[in-house]
Amino acid sequence: MSNKENNKFSTWDSLPDTLTALHISQFLQISRRRVYELFHTHVEKGGIPNFEIGASKRVSKEDFKKWISLKMKEKNDVNS
């Protein structure tokens, strides 16, 4: 995969309204395996909120934005 393809989903505007593990892994620059671990972690324990379509996991862009904001707030609260 070329460098351009690796960074295909690197901005909020580049993300579709419904996200896959690949979208999230590229955006956060983490492995898809780690994204799936976060999908299987309960939301109250830091997991990414998601829903299923058949066997596939999906995340709404709005829920992902809220999750990122919460993670940033948690980090700031710890450092305060």
Protein backbone atom coordinates (compact mmCIF):
# COMPACT_ATOMS: atom_id res chain seq x y z
CA MET A 1 0.00 0.00 0.00
CA SER A 2 1.43 3.38 -0.91
CA ASN A 3 1.95 6.15 1.62
CA LYS A 4 -0.90 8.14 0.05
CA GLU A 5 -3.30 5.21 0.54
CA ASN A 6 -2.11 4.76 4.15
CA ASN A 7 -3.14 8.34 4.90
CA LYS A 8 -6.41 8.25 2.99
CA PHE A 9 -8.44 8.82 6.17
CA SER A 10 -6.29 11.32 8.04
CA THR A 11 -8.69 14.25 8.51
CA TRP A 12 -12.25 14.57 9.86
CA ASP A 13 -13.49 15.64 6.43
CA SER A 14 -11.97 12.56 4.78
CA LEU A 15 -13.95 10.21 7.04
CA PRO A 16 -17.33 8.91 5.88
CA ASP A 17 -20.41 9.18 8.13
CA THR A 18 -20.20 5.48 9.01
CA LEU A 19 -16.75 4.20 9.91
CA THR A 20 -15.07 0.82 9.74
CA ALA A 21 -12.09 -0.44 11.74
CA LEU A 22 -9.90 0.42 8.75
CA HIS A 23 -11.06 4.06 8.72
CA ILE A 24 -10.38 4.36 12.45
CA SER A 25 -7.02 2.61 12.32
CA GLN A 26 -5.82 4.89 9.53
CA PHE A 27 -7.14 8.00 11.26
CA LEU A 28 -5.60 7.15 14.65
CA GLN A 29 -2.54 5.47 13.11
CA ILE A 30 -3.03 2.32 15.17
CA SER A 31 -3.53 -1.29 14.10
CA ARG A 32 -6.92 -2.63 13.09
CA ARG A 33 -6.40 -5.30 15.76
CA ARG A 34 -6.24 -2.56 18.41
CA VAL A 35 -9.39 -0.96 16.99
CA TYR A 36 -11.22 -4.30 17.27
CA GLU A 37 -9.98 -4.60 20.87
CA LEU A 38 -11.50 -1.16 21.53
CA PHE A 39 -14.73 -2.28 19.83
CA HIS A 40 -14.92 -5.22 22.26
CA THR A 41 -14.12 -3.09 25.32
CA HIS A 42 -17.19 -1.77 27.12
CA VAL A 43 -17.75 1.92 26.37
CA GLU A 44 -17.67 2.77 30.09
CA LYS A 45 -14.14 1.30 30.23
CA GLY A 46 -12.85 3.30 27.26
CA GLY A 47 -14.13 1.27 24.33
CA ILE A 48 -15.26 2.80 21.05
CA PRO A 49 -19.08 2.80 20.73
CA ASN A 50 -20.11 0.70 17.74
CA PHE A 51 -22.96 -1.23 16.21
CA GLU A 52 -23.19 -4.39 14.13
CA ILE A 53 -24.38 -4.92 10.61
CA GLY A 54 -24.32 -8.67 10.30
CA ALA A 55 -20.85 -9.70 11.49
CA SER A 56 -19.36 -6.28 10.68
CA LYS A 57 -18.76 -3.57 13.26
CA ARG A 58 -19.44 0.06 12.36
CA VAL A 59 -19.13 3.38 14.18
CA SER A 60 -21.02 6.58 13.51
CA LYS A 61 -18.71 9.51 12.82
CA GLU A 62 -20.50 11.55 15.49
CA ASP A 63 -19.98 8.83 18.13
CA PHE A 64 -16.31 8.61 17.13
CA LYS A 65 -15.91 12.40 17.49
CA LYS A 66 -17.51 12.24 20.94
CA TRP A 67 -15.21 9.35 21.92
CA ILE A 68 -12.12 11.31 20.79
CA SER A 69 -13.31 14.37 22.75
CA LEU A 70 -13.87 12.26 25.85
CA LYS A 71 -10.38 10.73 25.56
CA MET A 72 -8.86 14.18 25.26
CA LYS A 73 -10.85 15.43 28.27
CA GLU A 74 -9.77 12.39 30.33
CA LYS A 75 -6.14 13.06 29.44
CA ASN A 76 -6.46 16.74 30.39
CA ASP A 77 -8.20 15.84 33.67
CA VAL A 78 -5.35 13.47 34.60
CA ASN A 79 -2.75 16.13 33.81
CA SER A 80 -4.55 18.86 35.78
